[in-house]
Amino acid sequence: MDFRSIIRDVPDFPKEGILFKDITTLWKDANAFRASLDELAALYRGKGIAKVAGAESRGFIVGAPLAYILGAGFVPIRKKGKLPAETVSESYTLEYGEAEIEIHRDAIAPGEKVLLVDDLLATGGTASAMVNLVRKLGGEVVSFAFLIELGFLEGRKKLDVSVNSLVVF
């Protein structure tokens, strides 16, 4: 399926000069959504994935159904202060400042194989922080899966794990 043709471009969002890649057009199309999940799942079947961890919030939309398809558990990685039990956190740099994400301390057991998922890879800051969180808990990051990668931002270079993206712009 040509996912690239389904993703809508929105000029000047969220600010002037940005060409936003709107993936909601893929998600609202039942066939495209199913095909995107099936294509990602095919890459990881038989790899012993115990957990799929998705980044807040759009990584949840891809990660939860992917975990279901793979027969794995789903782990949310959230912004600081959003998880109710004991957490482990990781800070990372944004274009203007810093952010922090968290995971429950008991979400991943040492040695478990984890697939990380997000909707989009841009600069790699969030993705790198996700890898660090899983490793703090002793999990083994098998790979990172994205629907979209903005290749010109070179976020992949910040990641020392396998990366699979359905569409690279």
C-alpha atoms as a PDB file:
ATOM      1  CA  MET A   1       0.000   0.000   0.000  1.00  0.00           C
ATOM      2  CA  ASP A   2       1.219   3.504  -0.785  1.00  0.00           C
ATOM      3  CA  PHE A   3       1.046   5.007   2.720  1.00  0.00           C
ATOM      4  CA  ARG A   4       2.863   8.142   1.551  1.00  0.00           C
ATOM      5  CA  SER A   5      -0.087   9.148  -0.660  1.00  0.00           C
ATOM      6  CA  ILE A   6      -2.548   8.783   2.245  1.00  0.00           C
ATOM      7  CA  ILE A   7      -0.654  11.009   4.705  1.00  0.00           C
ATOM      8  CA  ARG A   8      -1.828  14.611   4.479  1.00  0.00           C
ATOM      9  CA  ASP A   9       0.542  17.598   4.398  1.00  0.00           C
ATOM     10  CA  VAL A  10      -0.555  20.576   6.510  1.00  0.00           C
ATOM     11  CA  PRO A  11       1.500  23.699   5.781  1.00  0.00           C
ATOM     12  CA  ASP A  12       2.463  26.094   8.570  1.00  0.00           C
ATOM     13  CA  PHE A  13       1.436  23.793  11.436  1.00  0.00           C
ATOM     14  CA  PRO A  14       2.106  24.052  14.344  1.00  0.00           C
ATOM     15  CA  LYS A  15       3.967  27.199  13.272  1.00  0.00           C
ATOM     16  CA  GLU A  16       4.861  29.010  10.081  1.00  0.00           C
ATOM     17  CA  GLY A  17       7.450  27.270   7.943  1.00  0.00           C
ATOM     18  CA  ILE A  18       6.657  23.738   9.169  1.00  0.00           C
ATOM     19  CA  LEU A  19       5.116  21.189   6.785  1.00  0.00           C
ATOM     20  CA  PHE A  20       3.274  18.876   9.180  1.00  0.00           C
ATOM     21  CA  LYS A  21       2.746  15.237   8.207  1.00  0.00           C
ATOM     22  CA  ASP A  22      -0.809  14.465   9.380  1.00  0.00           C
ATOM     23  CA  ILE A  23      -1.175  10.734   9.962  1.00  0.00           C
ATOM     24  CA  THR A  24      -4.818  10.936  11.043  1.00  0.00           C
ATOM     25  CA  THR A  25      -5.748  10.479   7.376  1.00  0.00           C
ATOM     26  CA  LEU A  26      -4.087   7.038   7.477  1.00  0.00           C
ATOM     27  CA  TRP A  27      -5.736   6.106  10.773  1.00  0.00           C
ATOM     28  CA  LYS A  28      -9.250   7.024   9.624  1.00  0.00           C
ATOM     29  CA  ASP A  29      -8.899   4.730   6.596  1.00  0.00           C
ATOM     30  CA  ALA A  30      -9.682   1.242   7.953  1.00  0.00           C
ATOM     31  CA  ASN A  31      -7.762  -0.552   5.186  1.00  0.00           C
ATOM     32  CA  ALA A  32      -4.697   1.681   5.466  1.00  0.00           C
ATOM     33  CA  PHE A  33      -4.634   1.476   9.274  1.00  0.00           C
ATOM     34  CA  ARG A  34      -4.923  -2.306   9.178  1.00  0.00           C
ATOM     35  CA  ALA A  35      -2.275  -2.581   6.442  1.00  0.00           C
ATOM     36  CA  SER A  36       0.169  -0.364   8.368  1.00  0.00           C
ATOM     37  CA  LEU A  37      -0.200  -2.504  11.496  1.00  0.00           C
ATOM     38  CA  ASP A  38       0.064  -5.743   9.532  1.00  0.00           C
ATOM     39  CA  GLU A  39       3.201  -4.537   7.766  1.00  0.00           C
ATOM     40  CA  LEU A  40       4.877  -3.569  11.040  1.00  0.00           C
ATOM     41  CA  ALA A  41       3.779  -6.790  12.764  1.00  0.00           C
ATOM     42  CA  ALA A  42       5.270  -8.877   9.952  1.00  0.00           C
ATOM     43  CA  LEU A  43       8.698  -7.424  10.787  1.00  0.00           C
ATOM     44  CA  TYR A  44       8.552  -8.661  14.389  1.00  0.00           C
ATOM     45  CA  ARG A  45       6.645 -11.959  14.372  1.00  0.00           C
ATOM     46  CA  GLY A  46       8.735 -14.749  15.849  1.00  0.00           C
ATOM     47  CA  LYS A  47      11.225 -12.331  17.460  1.00  0.00           C
ATOM     48  CA  GLY A  48      10.110 -13.139  21.008  1.00  0.00           C
ATOM     49  CA  ILE A  49       8.717  -9.679  21.729  1.00  0.00           C
ATOM     50  CA  ALA A  50       7.367  -9.710  25.299  1.00  0.00           C
ATOM     51  CA  LYS A  51       6.357  -6.025  25.486  1.00  0.00           C
ATOM     52  CA  VAL A  52       5.549  -3.226  23.080  1.00  0.00           C
ATOM     53  CA  ALA A  53       6.176   0.212  24.590  1.00  0.00           C
ATOM     54  CA  GLY A  54       4.570   3.265  23.005  1.00  0.00           C
ATOM     55  CA  ALA A  55       5.250   6.953  23.535  1.00  0.00           C
ATOM     56  CA  GLU A  56       2.489   9.300  24.656  1.00  0.00           C
ATOM     57  CA  SER A  57       0.244   9.901  22.962  1.00  0.00           C
ATOM     58  CA  ARG A  58       0.267   8.879  19.325  1.00  0.00           C
ATOM     59  CA  GLY A  59       2.588   5.957  20.005  1.00  0.00           C
ATOM     60  CA  PHE A  60      -0.315   4.470  21.971  1.00  0.00           C
ATOM     61  CA  ILE A  61      -2.469   4.403  18.817  1.00  0.00           C
ATOM     62  CA  VAL A  62       0.095   2.268  17.003  1.00  0.00           C
ATOM     63  CA  GLY A  63       1.636   0.404  19.935  1.00  0.00           C
ATOM     64  CA  ALA A  64      -1.448  -1.054  21.628  1.00  0.00           C
ATOM     65  CA  PRO A  65      -2.905  -2.793  18.557  1.00  0.00           C
ATOM     66  CA  LEU A  66       0.584  -3.911  17.505  1.00  0.00           C
ATOM     67  CA  ALA A  67       1.076  -5.504  20.940  1.00  0.00           C
ATOM     68  CA  TYR A  68      -2.253  -7.290  20.523  1.00  0.00           C
ATOM     69  CA  ILE A  69      -1.283  -8.630  17.093  1.00  0.00           C
ATOM     70  CA  LEU A  70       2.104  -9.819  18.387  1.00  0.00           C
ATOM     71  CA  GLY A  71       0.633 -11.393  21.542  1.00  0.00           C
ATOM     72  CA  ALA A  72       2.711  -9.067  23.728  1.00  0.00           C
ATOM     73  CA  GLY A  73       1.928  -6.771  26.637  1.00  0.00           C
ATOM     74  CA  PHE A  74       1.625  -3.013  26.081  1.00  0.00           C
ATOM     75  CA  VAL A  75       3.572  -0.484  28.162  1.00  0.00           C
ATOM     76  CA  PRO A  76       2.772   3.244  28.038  1.00  0.00           C
ATOM     77  CA  ILE A  77       5.665   5.688  28.240  1.00  0.00           C
ATOM     78  CA  ARG A  78       4.200   8.969  29.444  1.00  0.00           C
ATOM     79  CA  LYS A  79       5.053  12.551  30.186  1.00  0.00           C
ATOM     80  CA  LYS A  80       6.295  13.210  33.711  1.00  0.00           C
ATOM     81  CA  GLY A  81       3.627  13.036  36.414  1.00  0.00           C
ATOM     82  CA  LYS A  82       1.024  11.049  34.445  1.00  0.00           C
ATOM     83  CA  LEU A  83       1.671   7.516  35.754  1.00  0.00           C
ATOM     84  CA  PRO A  84       0.156   6.532  39.144  1.00  0.00           C
ATOM     85  CA  ALA A  85       2.718   4.050  40.537  1.00  0.00           C
ATOM     86  CA  GLU A  86       6.484   4.198  41.116  1.00  0.00           C
ATOM     87  CA  THR A  87       8.316   5.347  37.979  1.00  0.00           C
ATOM     88  CA  VAL A  88      11.719   5.673  36.370  1.00  0.00           C
ATOM     89  CA  SER A  89      12.292   8.838  34.353  1.00  0.00           C
ATOM     90  CA  GLU A  90      14.530  10.122  31.590  1.00  0.00           C
ATOM     91  CA  SER A  91      15.128  13.725  30.530  1.00  0.00           C
ATOM     92  CA  TYR A  92      15.904  14.745  26.972  1.00  0.00           C
ATOM     93  CA  THR A  93      16.515  17.929  25.030  1.00  0.00           C
ATOM     94  CA  LEU A  94      13.926  19.596  22.845  1.00  0.00           C
ATOM     95  CA  GLU A  95      14.468  22.378  20.333  1.00  0.00           C
ATOM     96  CA  TYR A  96      13.740  24.920  23.087  1.00  0.00           C
ATOM     97  CA  GLY A  97      14.311  23.369  26.501  1.00  0.00           C
ATOM     98  CA  GLU A  98      13.962  19.943  28.071  1.00  0.00           C
ATOM     99  CA  ALA A  99      11.261  17.350  28.575  1.00  0.00           C
ATOM    100  CA  GLU A 100      10.943  14.265  30.730  1.00  0.00           C
ATOM    101  CA  ILE A 101       9.217  10.935  30.172  1.00  0.00           C
ATOM    102  CA  GLU A 102       8.471   8.099  32.581  1.00  0.00           C
ATOM    103  CA  ILE A 103       7.728   4.412  32.709  1.00  0.00           C
ATOM    104  CA  HIS A 104       6.421   2.323  35.608  1.00  0.00           C
ATOM    105  CA  ARG A 105       9.310   0.710  37.471  1.00  0.00           C
ATOM    106  CA  ASP A 106       7.606  -2.708  37.210  1.00  0.00           C
ATOM    107  CA  ALA A 107       6.574  -2.408  33.532  1.00  0.00           C
ATOM    108  CA  ILE A 108       9.456  -4.427  32.098  1.00  0.00           C
ATOM    109  CA  ALA A 109      11.317  -7.319  33.690  1.00  0.00           C
ATOM    110  CA  PRO A 110      15.076  -7.710  33.229  1.00  0.00           C
ATOM    111  CA  GLY A 111      15.833  -9.567  30.011  1.00  0.00           C
ATOM    112  CA  GLU A 112      12.418  -9.031  28.412  1.00  0.00           C
ATOM    113  CA  LYS A 113      12.510  -8.247  24.695  1.00  0.00           C
ATOM    114  CA  VAL A 114      10.881  -4.897  23.978  1.00  0.00           C
ATOM    115  CA  LEU A 115       9.699  -3.295  20.754  1.00  0.00           C
ATOM    116  CA  LEU A 116       9.503   0.499  20.990  1.00  0.00           C
ATOM    117  CA  VAL A 117       6.874   2.292  18.896  1.00  0.00           C
ATOM    118  CA  ASP A 118       6.017   5.863  18.010  1.00  0.00           C
ATOM    119  CA  ASP A 119       4.170   7.483  15.152  1.00  0.00           C
ATOM    120  CA  LEU A 120       7.054   9.662  13.946  1.00  0.00           C
ATOM    121  CA  LEU A 121      10.839   9.870  14.150  1.00  0.00           C
ATOM    122  CA  ALA A 122      12.089  13.446  13.880  1.00  0.00           C
ATOM    123  CA  THR A 123      15.223  14.515  15.767  1.00  0.00           C
ATOM    124  CA  GLY A 124      15.395  11.328  17.854  1.00  0.00           C
ATOM    125  CA  GLY A 125      15.262  12.955  21.298  1.00  0.00           C
ATOM    126  CA  THR A 126      12.146  11.183  22.543  1.00  0.00           C
ATOM    127  CA  ALA A 127      13.152   7.913  20.906  1.00  0.00           C
ATOM    128  CA  SER A 128      16.598   7.936  22.507  1.00  0.00           C
ATOM    129  CA  ALA A 129      15.054   8.652  25.921  1.00  0.00           C
ATOM    130  CA  MET A 130      12.676   5.699  25.438  1.00  0.00           C
ATOM    131  CA  VAL A 131      15.602   3.365  24.717  1.00  0.00           C
ATOM    132  CA  ASN A 132      17.335   4.587  27.882  1.00  0.00           C
ATOM    133  CA  LEU A 133      14.217   4.000  30.004  1.00  0.00           C
ATOM    134  CA  VAL A 134      13.845   0.395  28.864  1.00  0.00           C
ATOM    135  CA  ARG A 135      17.527  -0.272  29.481  1.00  0.00           C
ATOM    136  CA  LYS A 136      17.314   1.228  32.984  1.00  0.00           C
ATOM    137  CA  LEU A 137      14.784  -1.504  33.762  1.00  0.00           C
ATOM    138  CA  GLY A 138      17.014  -4.204  32.272  1.00  0.00           C
ATOM    139  CA  GLY A 139      14.896  -4.739  29.156  1.00  0.00           C
ATOM    140  CA  GLU A 140      16.406  -5.604  25.778  1.00  0.00           C
ATOM    141  CA  VAL A 141      15.339  -3.190  23.027  1.00  0.00           C
ATOM    142  CA  VAL A 142      14.860  -5.345  19.942  1.00  0.00           C
ATOM    143  CA  SER A 143      13.966  -2.508  17.581  1.00  0.00           C
ATOM    144  CA  PHE A 144      12.134   0.769  17.129  1.00  0.00           C
ATOM    145  CA  ALA A 145       9.132   0.967  14.775  1.00  0.00           C
ATOM    146  CA  PHE A 146       7.780   4.217  13.324  1.00  0.00           C
ATOM    147  CA  LEU A 147       5.025   4.956  10.838  1.00  0.00           C
ATOM    148  CA  ILE A 148       6.844   8.055   9.565  1.00  0.00           C
ATOM    149  CA  GLU A 149      10.485   9.086   9.609  1.00  0.00           C
ATOM    150  CA  LEU A 150      11.635  12.583   8.700  1.00  0.00           C
ATOM    151  CA  GLY A 151      14.963  11.393   7.308  1.00  0.00           C
ATOM    152  CA  PHE A 152      16.351  14.866   6.707  1.00  0.00           C
ATOM    153  CA  LEU A 153      16.376  15.478  10.491  1.00  0.00           C
ATOM    154  CA  GLU A 154      18.682  12.461  10.966  1.00  0.00           C
ATOM    155  CA  GLY A 155      17.042  11.249  14.197  1.00  0.00           C
ATOM    156  CA  ARG A 156      18.044   7.677  13.345  1.00  0.00           C
ATOM    157  CA  LYS A 157      21.670   8.619  14.056  1.00  0.00           C
ATOM    158  CA  LYS A 158      20.812   9.113  17.756  1.00  0.00           C
ATOM    159  CA  LEU A 159      19.591   5.523  18.085  1.00  0.00           C
ATOM    160  CA  ASP A 160      21.879   2.541  18.596  1.00  0.00           C
ATOM    161  CA  VAL A 161      19.103   0.050  17.854  1.00  0.00           C
ATOM    162  CA  SER A 162      17.447  -1.286  14.714  1.00  0.00           C
ATOM    163  CA  VAL A 163      14.930   1.166  13.219  1.00  0.00           C
ATOM    164  CA  ASN A 164      12.041   0.366  10.868  1.00  0.00           C
ATOM    165  CA  SER A 165       9.876   3.102   9.354  1.00  0.00           C
ATOM    166  CA  LEU A 166       6.961   2.515   6.971  1.00  0.00           C
ATOM    167  CA  VAL A 167       7.440   5.862   5.223  1.00  0.00           C
ATOM    168  CA  VAL A 168      10.560   8.035   5.083  1.00  0.00           C
ATOM    169  CA  PHE A 169      10.266  11.648   3.967  1.00  0.00           C
END
